[in-house]
């Protein structure tokens, strides 16, 4: 049985692993499953069956949403080690920024929202300690796949916010309890409401 051992030496937890045969145009199913991650220093064995050769493309995504992509890997030669040197260099293109002023408080910070869904986002909302969403922060802009939008947050009583986006099909993606002091938002299809 053909397999590849994927060794995480990035210093971060890997949340997603995708493997596809070199002849395929799309990534296969996510290998780790909903309840598993690959901590730094650990190894995951991915079994690869029913393929005509041992040449595969591999992409992993870490806890920060950063990706590491490898094309044309012969899985029969060696174990597969992922390090920070393999970090994809294609940074998200910034499509803009906005500043939201809170009622009063000591927290000033920002959160980057990056779209990795394959769909265009038309609306972006944020709220803190309220039942209703604030105004659309994108305004006349859209967040295309691969784009990033920065929200600057001033004078809030805390750093935790709820964030919601709506795509071109009217589908929503909700992120409750985002701590803007320590994390950014990376939207994938796994976040679909």
N, C-alpha and C. Protein backbone atom coordinates (compact mmCIF):
# COMPACT_ATOMS: atom_id res chain seq x y z
N UNK A 1 0.85 -1.19 0.00
CA UNK A 1 0.00 0.00 0.00
C UNK A 1 0.89 1.24 0.00
N UNK A 2 0.59 2.19 -0.87
CA UNK A 2 1.37 3.41 -0.98
C UNK A 2 0.95 4.40 0.10
N UNK A 3 1.93 5.09 0.69
CA UNK A 3 1.63 6.11 1.70
C UNK A 3 2.77 7.12 1.74
N UNK A 4 2.52 8.24 2.41
CA UNK A 4 3.57 9.22 2.65
C UNK A 4 3.47 9.66 4.10
N UNK A 5 4.61 9.73 4.78
CA UNK A 5 4.66 10.26 6.13
C UNK A 5 4.95 11.75 6.05
N UNK A 6 4.07 12.55 6.61
CA UNK A 6 4.20 14.01 6.59
C UNK A 6 4.64 14.46 7.98
N UNK A 7 5.83 15.03 8.07
CA UNK A 7 6.42 15.43 9.34
C UNK A 7 6.29 16.94 9.49
N UNK A 8 5.69 17.37 10.59
CA UNK A 8 5.50 18.80 10.84
C UNK A 8 6.68 19.35 11.64
N UNK A 9 7.50 20.17 11.00
CA UNK A 9 8.60 20.85 11.68
C UNK A 9 8.52 22.36 11.43
N UNK A 10 7.28 22.88 11.46
CA UNK A 10 7.05 24.30 11.18
C UNK A 10 7.10 25.16 12.44
N UNK A 11 6.91 24.55 13.61
CA UNK A 11 6.75 25.32 14.84
C UNK A 11 5.30 25.69 15.09
N UNK A 12 4.41 25.30 14.19
CA UNK A 12 2.98 25.58 14.31
C UNK A 12 2.19 24.28 14.17
N UNK A 13 0.97 24.28 14.64
CA UNK A 13 0.08 23.14 14.43
C UNK A 13 -0.48 23.19 13.01
N UNK A 14 -0.47 22.06 12.33
CA UNK A 14 -1.05 21.96 11.00
C UNK A 14 -2.50 21.50 11.16
N UNK A 15 -3.43 22.28 10.60
CA UNK A 15 -4.85 21.97 10.73
C UNK A 15 -5.42 21.20 9.55
N UNK A 16 -4.81 21.36 8.37
CA UNK A 16 -5.35 20.73 7.17
C UNK A 16 -4.22 20.16 6.31
N UNK A 17 -4.47 18.99 5.72
CA UNK A 17 -3.55 18.37 4.77
C UNK A 17 -4.36 17.93 3.55
N UNK A 18 -3.91 18.36 2.38
CA UNK A 18 -4.54 17.96 1.12
C UNK A 18 -3.49 17.28 0.25
N UNK A 19 -3.87 16.15 -0.33
CA UNK A 19 -2.96 15.42 -1.22
C UNK A 19 -3.76 15.06 -2.48
N UNK A 20 -3.18 15.34 -3.63
CA UNK A 20 -3.83 14.92 -4.87
C UNK A 20 -2.76 14.38 -5.82
N UNK A 21 -3.17 13.45 -6.66
CA UNK A 21 -2.25 12.92 -7.66
C UNK A 21 -1.91 14.02 -8.65
N UNK A 22 -0.71 13.99 -9.18
CA UNK A 22 -0.25 15.06 -10.07
C UNK A 22 -1.15 15.27 -11.28
N UNK A 23 -1.91 14.27 -11.67
CA UNK A 23 -2.79 14.39 -12.84
C UNK A 23 -4.12 15.06 -12.53
N UNK A 24 -4.40 15.33 -11.25
CA UNK A 24 -5.69 15.93 -10.86
C UNK A 24 -5.57 17.45 -10.82
N UNK A 25 -6.65 18.11 -11.21
CA UNK A 25 -6.67 19.58 -11.23
C UNK A 25 -7.13 20.19 -9.92
N UNK A 26 -7.72 19.39 -9.05
CA UNK A 26 -8.24 19.91 -7.78
C UNK A 26 -7.67 19.10 -6.63
N UNK A 27 -7.70 19.72 -5.44
CA UNK A 27 -7.25 19.00 -4.24
C UNK A 27 -8.29 17.97 -3.86
N UNK A 28 -7.82 16.86 -3.30
CA UNK A 28 -8.74 15.83 -2.81
C UNK A 28 -9.32 16.24 -1.48
N UNK A 29 -9.93 15.28 -0.80
CA UNK A 29 -10.51 15.54 0.52
C UNK A 29 -9.42 15.90 1.51
N UNK A 30 -9.80 16.67 2.51
CA UNK A 30 -8.87 17.00 3.60
C UNK A 30 -8.57 15.73 4.37
N UNK A 31 -7.27 15.45 4.62
CA UNK A 31 -6.85 14.15 5.14
C UNK A 31 -7.01 13.99 6.66
N UNK A 32 -6.84 15.07 7.43
CA UNK A 32 -6.83 14.94 8.89
C UNK A 32 -8.22 14.72 9.47
N UNK A 33 -9.25 15.20 8.80
CA UNK A 33 -10.60 15.06 9.34
C UNK A 33 -10.93 16.19 10.30
N UNK A 34 -12.19 16.26 10.68
CA UNK A 34 -12.68 17.38 11.49
C UNK A 34 -12.07 17.47 12.87
N UNK A 35 -11.72 16.34 13.46
CA UNK A 35 -11.31 16.36 14.87
C UNK A 35 -9.81 16.21 15.08
N UNK A 36 -9.02 16.20 14.02
CA UNK A 36 -7.59 15.95 14.17
C UNK A 36 -6.76 17.12 13.66
N UNK A 37 -5.61 17.30 14.28
CA UNK A 37 -4.61 18.25 13.83
C UNK A 37 -3.26 17.54 13.89
N UNK A 38 -2.24 18.16 13.29
CA UNK A 38 -0.88 17.62 13.33
C UNK A 38 0.00 18.60 14.09
N UNK A 39 0.24 18.34 15.39
CA UNK A 39 1.06 19.25 16.19
C UNK A 39 2.51 19.30 15.68
N UNK A 40 3.19 20.39 16.00
CA UNK A 40 4.60 20.52 15.64
C UNK A 40 5.39 19.34 16.20
N UNK A 41 6.27 18.79 15.38
CA UNK A 41 7.10 17.67 15.80
C UNK A 41 6.48 16.30 15.59
N UNK A 42 5.22 16.26 15.21
CA UNK A 42 4.52 14.98 15.01
C UNK A 42 4.51 14.59 13.53
N UNK A 43 4.14 13.32 13.27
CA UNK A 43 4.09 12.77 11.92
C UNK A 43 2.70 12.23 11.63
N UNK A 44 2.22 12.47 10.41
CA UNK A 44 0.94 11.91 9.96
C UNK A 44 1.20 11.03 8.75
N UNK A 45 0.64 9.82 8.76
CA UNK A 45 0.79 8.91 7.61
C UNK A 45 -0.47 8.99 6.76
N UNK A 46 -0.30 9.46 5.52
CA UNK A 46 -1.41 9.55 4.57
C UNK A 46 -1.32 8.37 3.61
N UNK A 47 -2.38 7.56 3.57
CA UNK A 47 -2.42 6.41 2.67
C UNK A 47 -2.98 6.84 1.32
N UNK A 48 -2.30 6.44 0.24
CA UNK A 48 -2.63 6.88 -1.11
C UNK A 48 -2.85 5.64 -1.97
N UNK A 49 -4.07 5.35 -2.31
CA UNK A 49 -4.38 4.13 -3.04
C UNK A 49 -4.99 4.45 -4.39
N UNK A 50 -4.88 3.48 -5.30
CA UNK A 50 -5.55 3.56 -6.58
C UNK A 50 -5.04 4.62 -7.53
N UNK A 51 -3.79 5.01 -7.41
CA UNK A 51 -3.22 6.04 -8.30
C UNK A 51 -2.18 5.40 -9.23
N UNK A 52 -2.04 5.92 -10.45
CA UNK A 52 -1.17 5.30 -11.43
C UNK A 52 0.32 5.48 -11.18
N UNK A 53 0.71 6.43 -10.34
CA UNK A 53 2.14 6.63 -10.08
C UNK A 53 2.31 7.15 -8.66
N UNK A 54 3.57 7.36 -8.27
CA UNK A 54 3.87 7.82 -6.90
C UNK A 54 4.12 9.32 -6.84
N UNK A 55 3.76 10.06 -7.89
CA UNK A 55 3.98 11.51 -7.93
C UNK A 55 2.69 12.23 -7.49
N UNK A 56 2.82 13.03 -6.42
CA UNK A 56 1.66 13.70 -5.85
C UNK A 56 1.96 15.17 -5.58
N UNK A 57 0.89 15.96 -5.48
CA UNK A 57 0.97 17.34 -5.00
C UNK A 57 0.42 17.36 -3.58
N UNK A 58 1.06 18.13 -2.72
CA UNK A 58 0.67 18.18 -1.31
C UNK A 58 0.57 19.64 -0.88
N UNK A 59 -0.51 19.96 -0.15
CA UNK A 59 -0.64 21.28 0.45
C UNK A 59 -1.09 21.10 1.90
N UNK A 60 -0.42 21.83 2.81
CA UNK A 60 -0.84 21.83 4.20
C UNK A 60 -1.12 23.28 4.61
N UNK A 61 -2.02 23.43 5.60
CA UNK A 61 -2.36 24.74 6.12
C UNK A 61 -2.22 24.72 7.63
N UNK A 62 -1.51 25.71 8.18
CA UNK A 62 -1.28 25.72 9.62
C UNK A 62 -2.35 26.51 10.37
N UNK A 63 -2.19 26.59 11.67
CA UNK A 63 -3.19 27.22 12.54
C UNK A 63 -3.41 28.70 12.24
N UNK A 64 -2.44 29.35 11.59
CA UNK A 64 -2.57 30.76 11.23
C UNK A 64 -3.16 30.95 9.84
N UNK A 65 -3.48 29.84 9.17
CA UNK A 65 -4.00 29.94 7.81
C UNK A 65 -2.92 30.02 6.75
N UNK A 66 -1.65 29.94 7.16
CA UNK A 66 -0.56 29.95 6.19
C UNK A 66 -0.49 28.59 5.49
N UNK A 67 -0.17 28.61 4.19
CA UNK A 67 -0.12 27.37 3.43
C UNK A 67 1.30 27.05 2.99
N UNK A 68 1.52 25.76 2.74
CA UNK A 68 2.80 25.21 2.29
C UNK A 68 2.44 24.25 1.17
N UNK A 69 2.83 24.58 -0.07
CA UNK A 69 2.42 23.79 -1.23
C UNK A 69 3.64 23.16 -1.89
N UNK A 70 3.51 21.88 -2.23
CA UNK A 70 4.59 21.11 -2.85
C UNK A 70 4.01 20.40 -4.07
N UNK A 71 4.63 20.62 -5.22
CA UNK A 71 4.15 20.02 -6.47
C UNK A 71 5.14 18.98 -6.98
N UNK A 72 4.59 17.88 -7.50
CA UNK A 72 5.43 16.85 -8.11
C UNK A 72 6.32 16.09 -7.15
N UNK A 73 5.81 15.76 -5.98
CA UNK A 73 6.59 15.04 -4.96
C UNK A 73 6.48 13.54 -5.20
N UNK A 74 7.62 12.84 -5.26
CA UNK A 74 7.61 11.38 -5.36
C UNK A 74 7.54 10.81 -3.94
N UNK A 75 6.38 10.31 -3.57
CA UNK A 75 6.16 9.87 -2.19
C UNK A 75 6.88 8.57 -1.85
N UNK A 76 7.44 7.89 -2.84
CA UNK A 76 8.15 6.65 -2.57
C UNK A 76 9.60 6.87 -2.19
N UNK A 77 10.10 8.11 -2.36
CA UNK A 77 11.51 8.36 -2.10
C UNK A 77 11.82 8.60 -0.63
N UNK A 78 11.10 9.48 0.02
CA UNK A 78 11.42 9.88 1.39
C UNK A 78 10.16 10.26 2.14
N UNK A 79 10.34 10.41 3.47
CA UNK A 79 9.30 11.06 4.25
C UNK A 79 9.23 12.51 3.80
N UNK A 80 8.16 13.14 4.12
CA UNK A 80 7.89 14.50 3.66
C UNK A 80 7.92 15.42 4.86
N UNK A 81 8.93 16.31 4.92
CA UNK A 81 9.12 17.20 6.06
C UNK A 81 8.70 18.62 5.68
N UNK A 82 7.79 19.21 6.49
CA UNK A 82 7.30 20.56 6.25
C UNK A 82 7.97 21.49 7.24
N UNK A 83 8.68 22.52 6.74
CA UNK A 83 9.34 23.50 7.60
C UNK A 83 8.90 24.91 7.19
N UNK A 84 9.29 25.91 7.97
CA UNK A 84 8.95 27.30 7.63
C UNK A 84 9.58 27.73 6.31
N UNK A 85 10.66 27.07 5.90
CA UNK A 85 11.29 27.39 4.61
C UNK A 85 10.34 27.10 3.45
N UNK A 86 9.33 26.24 3.69
CA UNK A 86 8.40 25.86 2.64
C UNK A 86 7.15 26.73 2.60
N UNK A 87 7.08 27.75 3.45
CA UNK A 87 5.91 28.63 3.51
C UNK A 87 5.65 29.26 2.15
N UNK A 88 4.40 29.18 1.69
CA UNK A 88 4.04 29.79 0.41
C UNK A 88 4.28 31.29 0.48
N UNK A 89 4.87 31.84 -0.55
CA UNK A 89 5.25 33.25 -0.53
C UNK A 89 4.15 34.16 -1.06
N UNK A 90 3.07 33.60 -1.57
CA UNK A 90 2.02 34.42 -2.13
C UNK A 90 1.16 34.98 -1.01
N UNK A 91 1.45 36.20 -0.64
CA UNK A 91 0.66 36.85 0.42
C UNK A 91 -0.65 37.34 -0.17
N UNK A 92 -1.65 37.41 0.69
CA UNK A 92 -2.95 37.89 0.25
C UNK A 92 -2.84 39.35 -0.18
N UNK A 93 -3.58 39.68 -1.22
CA UNK A 93 -3.59 41.06 -1.70
C UNK A 93 -4.57 41.87 -0.85
N UNK A 94 -4.10 42.97 -0.33
CA UNK A 94 -4.97 43.82 0.49
C UNK A 94 -5.88 44.63 -0.42
N UNK A 95 -7.19 44.60 -0.12
CA UNK A 95 -8.14 45.36 -0.92
C UNK A 95 -8.62 46.59 -0.17
N UNK A 96 -8.10 46.79 1.04
CA UNK A 96 -8.49 47.99 1.75
C UNK A 96 -8.51 47.80 3.25
N UNK A 97 -8.97 48.84 3.90
CA UNK A 97 -9.02 48.83 5.36
C UNK A 97 -10.10 49.81 5.80
N UNK A 98 -10.53 49.64 7.04
CA UNK A 98 -11.48 50.57 7.62
C UNK A 98 -11.20 50.67 9.11
N UNK A 99 -11.62 51.75 9.72
CA UNK A 99 -11.47 51.94 11.16
C UNK A 99 -12.86 51.98 11.80
N UNK A 100 -13.02 51.22 12.88
CA UNK A 100 -14.28 51.19 13.61
C UNK A 100 -13.99 51.69 15.02
N UNK A 101 -14.70 52.69 15.45
CA UNK A 101 -14.51 53.26 16.78
C UNK A 101 -15.53 52.70 17.76
N UNK A 102 -15.03 52.24 18.89
CA UNK A 102 -15.88 51.67 19.92
C UNK A 102 -16.45 52.75 20.84
N UNK A 103 -17.27 52.32 21.82
CA UNK A 103 -17.92 53.28 22.72
C UNK A 103 -16.93 53.91 23.69
N UNK A 104 -16.02 53.14 24.23
CA UNK A 104 -14.95 53.61 25.10
C UNK A 104 -14.24 52.38 25.64
N UNK A 105 -12.96 52.51 25.86
CA UNK A 105 -12.19 51.39 26.37
C UNK A 105 -10.72 51.52 26.03
N UNK A 106 -9.96 50.56 26.54
CA UNK A 106 -8.51 50.60 26.40
C UNK A 106 -7.97 49.81 25.21
N UNK A 107 -8.83 49.03 24.53
CA UNK A 107 -8.30 48.20 23.46
C UNK A 107 -8.27 48.95 22.13
N UNK A 108 -7.09 48.99 21.54
CA UNK A 108 -6.88 49.44 20.17
C UNK A 108 -6.10 48.34 19.46
N UNK A 109 -6.58 47.91 18.33
CA UNK A 109 -5.89 46.84 17.60
C UNK A 109 -6.47 46.71 16.21
N UNK A 110 -6.23 45.57 15.60
CA UNK A 110 -6.76 45.33 14.26
C UNK A 110 -6.92 43.84 14.04
N UNK A 111 -7.69 43.48 13.04
CA UNK A 111 -7.82 42.10 12.62
C UNK A 111 -7.81 42.08 11.09
N UNK A 112 -7.00 41.18 10.52
CA UNK A 112 -6.97 40.97 9.08
C UNK A 112 -7.94 39.86 8.73
N UNK A 113 -8.78 40.09 7.74
CA UNK A 113 -9.76 39.09 7.29
C UNK A 113 -9.36 38.66 5.88
N UNK A 114 -9.02 37.38 5.71
CA UNK A 114 -8.54 36.86 4.43
C UNK A 114 -9.53 35.84 3.88
N UNK A 115 -9.90 36.00 2.62
CA UNK A 115 -10.86 35.13 1.96
C UNK A 115 -10.14 34.00 1.24
N UNK A 116 -10.41 32.75 1.67
CA UNK A 116 -9.81 31.58 1.04
C UNK A 116 -10.92 30.57 0.72
N UNK A 117 -12.07 31.07 0.25
CA UNK A 117 -13.23 30.20 0.02
C UNK A 117 -13.42 29.81 -1.44
N UNK A 118 -12.84 30.59 -2.36
CA UNK A 118 -13.13 30.39 -3.77
C UNK A 118 -14.31 31.23 -4.24
N UNK A 119 -14.95 31.94 -3.32
CA UNK A 119 -16.10 32.79 -3.63
C UNK A 119 -15.78 34.24 -3.27
N UNK A 120 -16.54 35.17 -3.83
CA UNK A 120 -16.38 36.58 -3.52
C UNK A 120 -17.24 36.94 -2.33
N UNK A 121 -16.68 37.67 -1.37
CA UNK A 121 -17.43 38.16 -0.22
C UNK A 121 -17.93 39.58 -0.51
N UNK A 122 -19.23 39.81 -0.27
CA UNK A 122 -19.83 41.11 -0.54
C UNK A 122 -20.07 41.93 0.71
N UNK A 123 -20.22 41.26 1.86
CA UNK A 123 -20.54 41.97 3.10
C UNK A 123 -19.65 41.46 4.24
N UNK A 124 -19.24 42.39 5.11
CA UNK A 124 -18.41 42.08 6.27
C UNK A 124 -18.94 42.87 7.46
N UNK A 125 -19.29 42.15 8.52
CA UNK A 125 -19.87 42.78 9.71
C UNK A 125 -19.06 42.41 10.94
N UNK A 126 -19.09 43.29 11.93
CA UNK A 126 -18.42 43.03 13.20
C UNK A 126 -19.29 43.57 14.33
N UNK A 127 -19.24 42.90 15.48
CA UNK A 127 -19.97 43.39 16.64
C UNK A 127 -19.25 42.96 17.91
N UNK A 128 -19.56 43.68 18.99
CA UNK A 128 -19.01 43.34 20.29
C UNK A 128 -20.07 43.65 21.34
N UNK A 129 -20.47 42.60 22.06
CA UNK A 129 -21.43 42.75 23.16
C UNK A 129 -22.76 43.37 22.75
N UNK A 130 -23.19 43.13 21.50
CA UNK A 130 -24.50 43.60 21.07
C UNK A 130 -25.21 42.46 20.35
N UNK A 131 -26.51 42.56 20.23
CA UNK A 131 -27.29 41.52 19.56
C UNK A 131 -27.34 41.73 18.05
N UNK A 132 -27.11 42.94 17.60
CA UNK A 132 -27.23 43.23 16.17
C UNK A 132 -25.86 43.53 15.56
N UNK A 133 -25.75 43.22 14.28
CA UNK A 133 -24.51 43.48 13.55
C UNK A 133 -24.43 44.97 13.21
N UNK A 134 -23.22 45.47 13.16
CA UNK A 134 -22.99 46.85 12.74
C UNK A 134 -23.15 46.98 11.23
N UNK A 135 -22.80 48.13 10.68
CA UNK A 135 -22.92 48.35 9.23
C UNK A 135 -21.91 47.49 8.45
N UNK A 136 -22.18 47.29 7.17
CA UNK A 136 -21.25 46.58 6.29
C UNK A 136 -19.94 47.37 6.19
N UNK A 137 -18.83 46.70 6.51
CA UNK A 137 -17.53 47.39 6.53
C UNK A 137 -16.84 47.43 5.17
N UNK A 138 -17.28 46.59 4.24
CA UNK A 138 -16.65 46.60 2.92
C UNK A 138 -17.11 47.79 2.08
N UNK A 139 -18.31 48.30 2.36
CA UNK A 139 -18.81 49.43 1.58
C UNK A 139 -18.94 49.06 0.12
N UNK A 140 -18.27 49.79 -0.75
CA UNK A 140 -18.35 49.53 -2.19
C UNK A 140 -17.27 48.55 -2.67
N UNK A 141 -16.53 47.98 -1.75
CA UNK A 141 -15.49 47.01 -2.11
C UNK A 141 -16.05 45.59 -2.00
N UNK A 142 -15.37 44.63 -2.62
CA UNK A 142 -15.65 43.21 -2.44
C UNK A 142 -14.35 42.52 -2.05
N UNK A 143 -14.48 41.38 -1.42
CA UNK A 143 -13.32 40.61 -1.00
C UNK A 143 -13.25 39.36 -1.87
N UNK A 144 -12.46 39.46 -2.95
CA UNK A 144 -12.30 38.32 -3.87
C UNK A 144 -11.53 37.21 -3.17
N UNK A 145 -11.61 36.00 -3.74
CA UNK A 145 -10.83 34.89 -3.21
C UNK A 145 -9.35 35.26 -3.22
N UNK A 146 -8.69 35.07 -2.08
CA UNK A 146 -7.27 35.40 -1.96
C UNK A 146 -7.01 36.81 -1.44
N UNK A 147 -8.05 37.62 -1.33
CA UNK A 147 -7.88 39.00 -0.86
C UNK A 147 -7.95 39.11 0.66
N UNK A 148 -7.40 40.21 1.17
CA UNK A 148 -7.39 40.49 2.61
C UNK A 148 -7.93 41.89 2.85
N UNK A 149 -8.68 42.05 3.94
CA UNK A 149 -9.22 43.34 4.34
C UNK A 149 -8.88 43.55 5.82
N UNK A 150 -8.41 44.74 6.18
CA UNK A 150 -7.99 45.02 7.55
C UNK A 150 -9.02 45.90 8.25
N UNK A 151 -9.40 45.47 9.48
CA UNK A 151 -10.32 46.26 10.30
C UNK A 151 -9.53 46.79 11.50
N UNK A 152 -9.39 48.11 11.59
CA UNK A 152 -8.76 48.73 12.74
C UNK A 152 -9.85 49.02 13.78
N UNK A 153 -9.57 48.65 15.03
CA UNK A 153 -10.54 48.74 16.11
C UNK A 153 -9.99 49.66 17.18
N UNK A 154 -10.71 50.74 17.48
CA UNK A 154 -10.23 51.73 18.44
C UNK A 154 -11.24 51.93 19.57
N UNK A 155 -10.72 52.09 20.78
CA UNK A 155 -11.52 52.46 21.96
C UNK A 155 -12.60 51.44 22.32
N UNK A 156 -12.22 50.16 22.34
CA UNK A 156 -13.17 49.12 22.74
C UNK A 156 -12.85 48.64 24.15
N UNK A 157 -13.88 48.14 24.87
CA UNK A 157 -13.65 47.66 26.23
C UNK A 157 -12.93 46.32 26.29
N UNK A 158 -12.79 45.63 25.19
CA UNK A 158 -12.09 44.35 25.16
C UNK A 158 -11.65 44.03 23.76
N UNK A 159 -10.94 42.91 23.61
CA UNK A 159 -10.36 42.57 22.31
C UNK A 159 -11.13 41.48 21.57
N UNK A 160 -12.24 40.98 22.14
CA UNK A 160 -12.98 39.88 21.54
C UNK A 160 -14.19 40.39 20.76
N UNK A 161 -14.32 39.92 19.51
CA UNK A 161 -15.36 40.39 18.60
C UNK A 161 -16.00 39.20 17.90
N UNK A 162 -17.21 39.41 17.42
CA UNK A 162 -17.87 38.47 16.52
C UNK A 162 -17.81 39.06 15.12
N UNK A 163 -17.49 38.20 14.14
CA UNK A 163 -17.33 38.66 12.76
C UNK A 163 -18.17 37.76 11.86
N UNK A 164 -18.82 38.37 10.88
CA UNK A 164 -19.63 37.61 9.93
C UNK A 164 -19.43 38.17 8.53
N UNK A 165 -19.36 37.26 7.55
CA UNK A 165 -19.26 37.64 6.14
C UNK A 165 -20.36 36.98 5.35
N UNK A 166 -20.70 37.59 4.22
CA UNK A 166 -21.70 37.02 3.33
C UNK A 166 -21.14 37.02 1.92
N UNK A 167 -21.26 35.87 1.23
CA UNK A 167 -20.66 35.76 -0.10
C UNK A 167 -21.66 36.07 -1.20
N UNK A 168 -21.21 35.91 -2.43
CA UNK A 168 -21.99 36.24 -3.62
C UNK A 168 -23.29 35.45 -3.74
N UNK A 169 -23.34 34.28 -3.09
CA UNK A 169 -24.54 33.44 -3.13
C UNK A 169 -25.46 33.69 -1.94
N UNK A 170 -25.09 34.63 -1.05
CA UNK A 170 -25.88 34.88 0.14
C UNK A 170 -25.55 33.95 1.30
N UNK A 171 -24.54 33.09 1.12
CA UNK A 171 -24.10 32.20 2.21
C UNK A 171 -23.30 33.01 3.22
N UNK A 172 -23.43 32.66 4.50
CA UNK A 172 -22.74 33.39 5.56
C UNK A 172 -21.67 32.54 6.21
N UNK A 173 -20.69 33.23 6.77
CA UNK A 173 -19.55 32.63 7.46
C UNK A 173 -19.39 33.41 8.76
N UNK A 174 -19.61 32.75 9.91
CA UNK A 174 -19.59 33.45 11.19
C UNK A 174 -18.40 33.01 12.03
N UNK A 175 -17.78 33.98 12.69
CA UNK A 175 -16.63 33.76 13.55
C UNK A 175 -16.92 34.39 14.91
N UNK A 176 -17.50 33.63 15.84
CA UNK A 176 -17.76 34.20 17.17
C UNK A 176 -16.49 34.19 18.02
N UNK A 177 -16.35 35.20 18.85
CA UNK A 177 -15.27 35.22 19.83
C UNK A 177 -13.87 35.33 19.27
N UNK A 178 -13.69 36.12 18.22
CA UNK A 178 -12.34 36.33 17.65
C UNK A 178 -11.59 37.31 18.55
N UNK A 179 -10.45 36.88 19.06
CA UNK A 179 -9.62 37.77 19.89
C UNK A 179 -8.68 38.54 18.97
N UNK A 180 -9.02 39.78 18.68
CA UNK A 180 -8.25 40.60 17.73
C UNK A 180 -6.85 40.91 18.23
N UNK A 181 -6.59 40.66 19.48
CA UNK A 181 -5.26 40.91 20.02
C UNK A 181 -4.28 39.83 19.60
N UNK A 182 -4.79 38.61 19.31
CA UNK A 182 -3.88 37.50 19.04
C UNK A 182 -4.19 36.72 17.76
N UNK A 183 -5.31 37.00 17.09
CA UNK A 183 -5.63 36.18 15.92
C UNK A 183 -6.24 37.00 14.79
N UNK A 184 -6.10 36.47 13.57
CA UNK A 184 -6.73 37.01 12.39
C UNK A 184 -7.79 36.02 11.93
N UNK A 185 -8.56 36.39 10.92
CA UNK A 185 -9.63 35.54 10.41
C UNK A 185 -9.26 35.07 9.01
N UNK A 186 -9.27 33.74 8.82
CA UNK A 186 -9.03 33.13 7.52
C UNK A 186 -10.29 32.36 7.16
N UNK A 187 -11.01 32.82 6.15
CA UNK A 187 -12.28 32.21 5.79
C UNK A 187 -12.06 31.08 4.80
N UNK A 188 -12.53 29.89 5.16
CA UNK A 188 -12.52 28.75 4.24
C UNK A 188 -13.94 28.20 4.16
N UNK A 189 -14.15 27.28 3.27
CA UNK A 189 -15.47 26.67 3.16
C UNK A 189 -15.86 25.91 4.42
N UNK A 190 -14.88 25.53 5.24
CA UNK A 190 -15.18 24.88 6.52
C UNK A 190 -15.92 25.80 7.46
N UNK A 191 -15.85 27.12 7.24
CA UNK A 191 -16.50 28.10 8.11
C UNK A 191 -17.92 28.46 7.66
N UNK A 192 -18.41 27.81 6.60
CA UNK A 192 -19.75 28.10 6.10
C UNK A 192 -20.78 27.79 7.17
N UNK A 193 -21.70 28.74 7.42
CA UNK A 193 -22.74 28.54 8.44
C UNK A 193 -23.70 27.45 8.03
